[in-house]
Amino acid sequence: MPLAKAKNDLINHVRHDVEVAALSNYFIFTDEAGVYQKDPSDAHIRSHPFYIRSIVKMTIDDYRQYQIEMQRINGEYEIPFDQEIKWSY
């Protein structure tokens, strides 16, 4: 019964991933752009046409790897470690 074994293997793999995710620790970063108003008026929408709130969720291991890469990039471009890089248009 190869199909039954494949199905069982898949179920066990998913179950393992769920258990690992439940036991993992995460960093969650949140940021917002724009001006929030619960019930915006037409005038508010014209003057502040957007509001965005986002999050980034990463495991502690992924965050550590991110830090290592940022330190490498900062060193490559001679950016002081305590200086934050911002994006703007």
N, C-alpha and C. Protein backbone atom coordinates (compact mmCIF):
# COMPACT_ATOMS: atom_id res chain seq x y z
N MET A 1 0.82 -1.19 0.00
CA MET A 1 0.00 0.00 0.00
C MET A 1 0.86 1.26 0.00
N PRO A 2 1.53 1.58 -1.09
CA PRO A 2 2.38 2.77 -1.13
C PRO A 2 1.61 4.07 -0.93
N LEU A 3 0.37 4.17 -1.43
CA LEU A 3 -0.40 5.39 -1.28
C LEU A 3 -0.77 5.63 0.18
N ALA A 4 -1.15 4.59 0.89
CA ALA A 4 -1.49 4.73 2.30
C ALA A 4 -0.27 5.14 3.10
N LYS A 5 0.90 4.59 2.78
CA LYS A 5 2.14 4.96 3.49
C LYS A 5 2.50 6.41 3.20
N ALA A 6 2.36 6.84 1.96
CA ALA A 6 2.66 8.23 1.60
C ALA A 6 1.73 9.18 2.35
N LYS A 7 0.46 8.83 2.43
CA LYS A 7 -0.51 9.65 3.15
C LYS A 7 -0.15 9.73 4.63
N ASN A 8 0.18 8.59 5.21
CA ASN A 8 0.57 8.54 6.62
C ASN A 8 1.85 9.35 6.87
N ASP A 9 2.82 9.23 5.97
CA ASP A 9 4.07 10.00 6.10
C ASP A 9 3.78 11.50 6.04
N LEU A 10 2.90 11.89 5.13
CA LEU A 10 2.55 13.30 5.00
C LEU A 10 1.86 13.80 6.27
N ILE A 11 0.94 13.04 6.80
CA ILE A 11 0.25 13.43 8.04
C ILE A 11 1.25 13.57 9.18
N ASN A 12 2.17 12.64 9.30
CA ASN A 12 3.18 12.71 10.36
C ASN A 12 4.09 13.92 10.17
N HIS A 13 4.43 14.23 8.92
CA HIS A 13 5.28 15.39 8.64
C HIS A 13 4.57 16.69 9.04
N VAL A 14 3.31 16.81 8.67
CA VAL A 14 2.53 18.01 9.01
C VAL A 14 2.37 18.10 10.52
N ARG A 15 2.07 16.99 11.16
CA ARG A 15 1.92 16.98 12.62
C ARG A 15 3.22 17.44 13.29
N HIS A 16 4.36 16.98 12.79
CA HIS A 16 5.66 17.38 13.34
C HIS A 16 5.88 18.88 13.16
N ASP A 17 5.56 19.40 11.96
CA ASP A 17 5.72 20.84 11.71
C ASP A 17 4.85 21.67 12.65
N VAL A 18 3.63 21.21 12.90
CA VAL A 18 2.72 21.94 13.80
C VAL A 18 3.28 21.91 15.22
N GLU A 19 3.79 20.76 15.66
CA GLU A 19 4.36 20.67 17.01
C GLU A 19 5.58 21.57 17.14
N VAL A 20 6.45 21.59 16.14
CA VAL A 20 7.64 22.45 16.18
C VAL A 20 7.22 23.91 16.21
N ALA A 21 6.24 24.28 15.39
CA ALA A 21 5.78 25.67 15.36
C ALA A 21 5.19 26.08 16.71
N ALA A 22 4.49 25.16 17.35
CA ALA A 22 3.89 25.47 18.64
C ALA A 22 4.94 25.68 19.72
N LEU A 23 6.10 25.05 19.58
CA LEU A 23 7.15 25.15 20.58
C LEU A 23 8.18 26.22 20.25
N SER A 24 8.11 26.79 19.07
CA SER A 24 9.11 27.77 18.65
C SER A 24 8.83 29.14 19.26
N ASN A 25 9.89 29.91 19.37
CA ASN A 25 9.77 31.30 19.82
C ASN A 25 9.95 32.21 18.61
N TYR A 26 9.20 33.28 18.59
CA TYR A 26 9.22 34.19 17.45
C TYR A 26 9.41 35.62 17.92
N PHE A 27 9.99 36.42 17.04
CA PHE A 27 9.98 37.87 17.18
C PHE A 27 8.90 38.35 16.21
N ILE A 28 8.10 39.31 16.66
CA ILE A 28 7.11 39.93 15.78
C ILE A 28 7.35 41.42 15.81
N PHE A 29 7.63 41.97 14.64
CA PHE A 29 7.87 43.40 14.49
C PHE A 29 6.64 44.00 13.82
N THR A 30 6.21 45.14 14.30
CA THR A 30 5.05 45.80 13.72
C THR A 30 5.39 47.25 13.42
N ASP A 31 4.80 47.76 12.37
CA ASP A 31 5.03 49.15 11.99
C ASP A 31 3.78 49.65 11.29
N GLU A 32 3.66 50.94 11.24
CA GLU A 32 2.51 51.54 10.57
C GLU A 32 2.94 52.76 9.78
N ALA A 33 2.16 53.07 8.77
CA ALA A 33 2.40 54.26 7.95
C ALA A 33 1.04 54.88 7.66
N GLY A 34 0.99 56.18 7.70
CA GLY A 34 -0.27 56.87 7.47
C GLY A 34 -0.86 57.35 8.78
N VAL A 35 -2.07 57.83 8.71
CA VAL A 35 -2.76 58.38 9.88
C VAL A 35 -4.05 57.60 10.07
N TYR A 36 -4.12 56.86 11.17
CA TYR A 36 -5.31 56.04 11.43
C TYR A 36 -6.43 56.87 12.04
N GLN A 37 -7.63 56.61 11.58
CA GLN A 37 -8.82 57.18 12.19
C GLN A 37 -9.91 56.12 12.04
N LYS A 38 -10.57 55.79 13.14
CA LYS A 38 -11.55 54.69 13.13
C LYS A 38 -12.64 54.91 12.09
N ASP A 39 -13.24 56.05 12.07
CA ASP A 39 -14.28 56.37 11.10
C ASP A 39 -13.86 57.62 10.33
N PRO A 40 -13.02 57.46 9.31
CA PRO A 40 -12.49 58.64 8.62
C PRO A 40 -13.55 59.38 7.82
N SER A 41 -13.48 60.70 7.89
CA SER A 41 -14.37 61.53 7.08
C SER A 41 -13.79 61.64 5.67
N ASP A 42 -14.58 62.17 4.76
CA ASP A 42 -14.09 62.37 3.39
C ASP A 42 -12.89 63.31 3.38
N ALA A 43 -12.94 64.34 4.21
CA ALA A 43 -11.81 65.29 4.27
C ALA A 43 -10.55 64.58 4.78
N HIS A 44 -10.71 63.72 5.77
CA HIS A 44 -9.55 62.98 6.30
C HIS A 44 -8.97 62.06 5.22
N ILE A 45 -9.83 61.38 4.50
CA ILE A 45 -9.35 60.48 3.44
C ILE A 45 -8.62 61.25 2.35
N ARG A 46 -9.12 62.44 2.01
CA ARG A 46 -8.43 63.25 0.99
C ARG A 46 -7.05 63.69 1.47
N SER A 47 -6.92 64.04 2.74
CA SER A 47 -5.63 64.53 3.23
C SER A 47 -4.71 63.39 3.67
N HIS A 48 -5.27 62.23 4.01
CA HIS A 48 -4.49 61.06 4.43
C HIS A 48 -5.06 59.83 3.70
N PRO A 49 -4.68 59.64 2.44
CA PRO A 49 -5.35 58.63 1.62
C PRO A 49 -5.02 57.16 1.95
N PHE A 50 -4.10 56.91 2.87
CA PHE A 50 -3.82 55.52 3.19
C PHE A 50 -3.42 55.36 4.65
N TYR A 51 -3.61 54.17 5.12
CA TYR A 51 -3.10 53.75 6.43
C TYR A 51 -2.75 52.28 6.29
N ILE A 52 -1.52 51.96 6.62
CA ILE A 52 -1.05 50.58 6.50
C ILE A 52 -0.42 50.16 7.82
N ARG A 53 -0.80 49.02 8.30
CA ARG A 53 -0.17 48.43 9.48
C ARG A 53 0.28 47.04 9.05
N SER A 54 1.54 46.74 9.31
CA SER A 54 2.08 45.44 8.87
C SER A 54 2.88 44.81 10.00
N ILE A 55 3.08 43.52 9.88
CA ILE A 55 3.93 42.81 10.82
C ILE A 55 4.88 41.91 10.05
N VAL A 56 6.00 41.61 10.69
CA VAL A 56 6.93 40.61 10.20
C VAL A 56 7.14 39.64 11.34
N LYS A 57 6.93 38.37 11.07
CA LYS A 57 7.10 37.34 12.09
C LYS A 57 8.26 36.47 11.66
N MET A 58 9.23 36.28 12.56
CA MET A 58 10.35 35.41 12.23
C MET A 58 10.80 34.66 13.48
N THR A 59 11.34 33.49 13.24
CA THR A 59 11.86 32.71 14.35
C THR A 59 13.10 33.40 14.91
N ILE A 60 13.45 33.01 16.10
CA ILE A 60 14.66 33.58 16.72
C ILE A 60 15.88 33.25 15.87
N ASP A 61 15.94 32.04 15.32
CA ASP A 61 17.08 31.66 14.47
C ASP A 61 17.13 32.52 13.21
N ASP A 62 15.99 32.77 12.59
CA ASP A 62 15.95 33.62 11.40
C ASP A 62 16.36 35.05 11.75
N TYR A 63 15.93 35.53 12.91
CA TYR A 63 16.29 36.89 13.33
C TYR A 63 17.79 36.99 13.54
N ARG A 64 18.37 35.98 14.15
CA ARG A 64 19.84 35.99 14.37
C ARG A 64 20.56 36.02 13.02
N GLN A 65 20.09 35.23 12.07
CA GLN A 65 20.70 35.23 10.73
C GLN A 65 20.55 36.59 10.07
N TYR A 66 19.39 37.21 10.26
CA TYR A 66 19.16 38.56 9.74
C TYR A 66 20.16 39.55 10.35
N GLN A 67 20.38 39.46 11.66
CA GLN A 67 21.34 40.35 12.32
C GLN A 67 22.74 40.16 11.74
N ILE A 68 23.13 38.93 11.53
CA ILE A 68 24.46 38.65 10.96
C ILE A 68 24.59 39.27 9.58
N GLU A 69 23.55 39.11 8.76
CA GLU A 69 23.58 39.69 7.41
C GLU A 69 23.60 41.22 7.45
N MET A 70 22.83 41.82 8.35
CA MET A 70 22.83 43.28 8.46
C MET A 70 24.19 43.79 8.92
N GLN A 71 24.84 43.09 9.82
CA GLN A 71 26.18 43.50 10.26
C GLN A 71 27.16 43.43 9.09
N ARG A 72 27.02 42.39 8.26
CA ARG A 72 27.89 42.26 7.09
C ARG A 72 27.65 43.41 6.11
N ILE A 73 26.38 43.71 5.84
CA ILE A 73 26.04 44.79 4.91
C ILE A 73 26.49 46.14 5.47
N ASN A 74 26.24 46.38 6.75
CA ASN A 74 26.69 47.64 7.37
C ASN A 74 28.20 47.79 7.25
N GLY A 75 28.93 46.71 7.48
CA GLY A 75 30.38 46.77 7.35
C GLY A 75 30.82 47.02 5.92
N GLU A 76 30.16 46.37 4.98
CA GLU A 76 30.50 46.51 3.56
C GLU A 76 30.30 47.95 3.08
N TYR A 77 29.26 48.62 3.58
CA TYR A 77 28.96 49.98 3.15
C TYR A 77 29.37 51.03 4.19
N GLU A 78 30.10 50.61 5.19
CA GLU A 78 30.62 51.49 6.25
C GLU A 78 29.50 52.28 6.93
N ILE A 79 28.42 51.60 7.23
CA ILE A 79 27.30 52.21 7.95
C ILE A 79 27.48 51.88 9.43
N PRO A 80 27.48 52.89 10.29
CA PRO A 80 27.62 52.61 11.73
C PRO A 80 26.53 51.67 12.21
N PHE A 81 26.89 50.75 13.10
CA PHE A 81 25.96 49.72 13.56
C PHE A 81 24.73 50.32 14.23
N ASP A 82 24.89 51.43 14.91
CA ASP A 82 23.75 52.02 15.64
C ASP A 82 22.90 52.94 14.76
N GLN A 83 23.22 53.05 13.47
CA GLN A 83 22.45 53.90 12.56
C GLN A 83 21.40 53.05 11.85
N GLU A 84 20.16 53.50 11.88
CA GLU A 84 19.07 52.77 11.25
C GLU A 84 18.94 53.17 9.79
N ILE A 85 18.72 52.21 8.94
CA ILE A 85 18.53 52.47 7.52
C ILE A 85 17.03 52.62 7.28
N LYS A 86 16.63 53.74 6.69
CA LYS A 86 15.23 54.00 6.39
C LYS A 86 15.04 54.04 4.89
N TRP A 87 13.85 53.67 4.45
CA TRP A 87 13.50 53.75 3.05
C TRP A 87 12.49 54.87 2.88
N SER A 88 12.66 55.63 1.84
CA SER A 88 11.74 56.71 1.56
C SER A 88 11.68 56.93 0.05
N TYR A 89 10.61 57.50 -0.39
CA TYR A 89 10.49 57.82 -1.81
C TYR A 89 10.12 59.25 -2.00
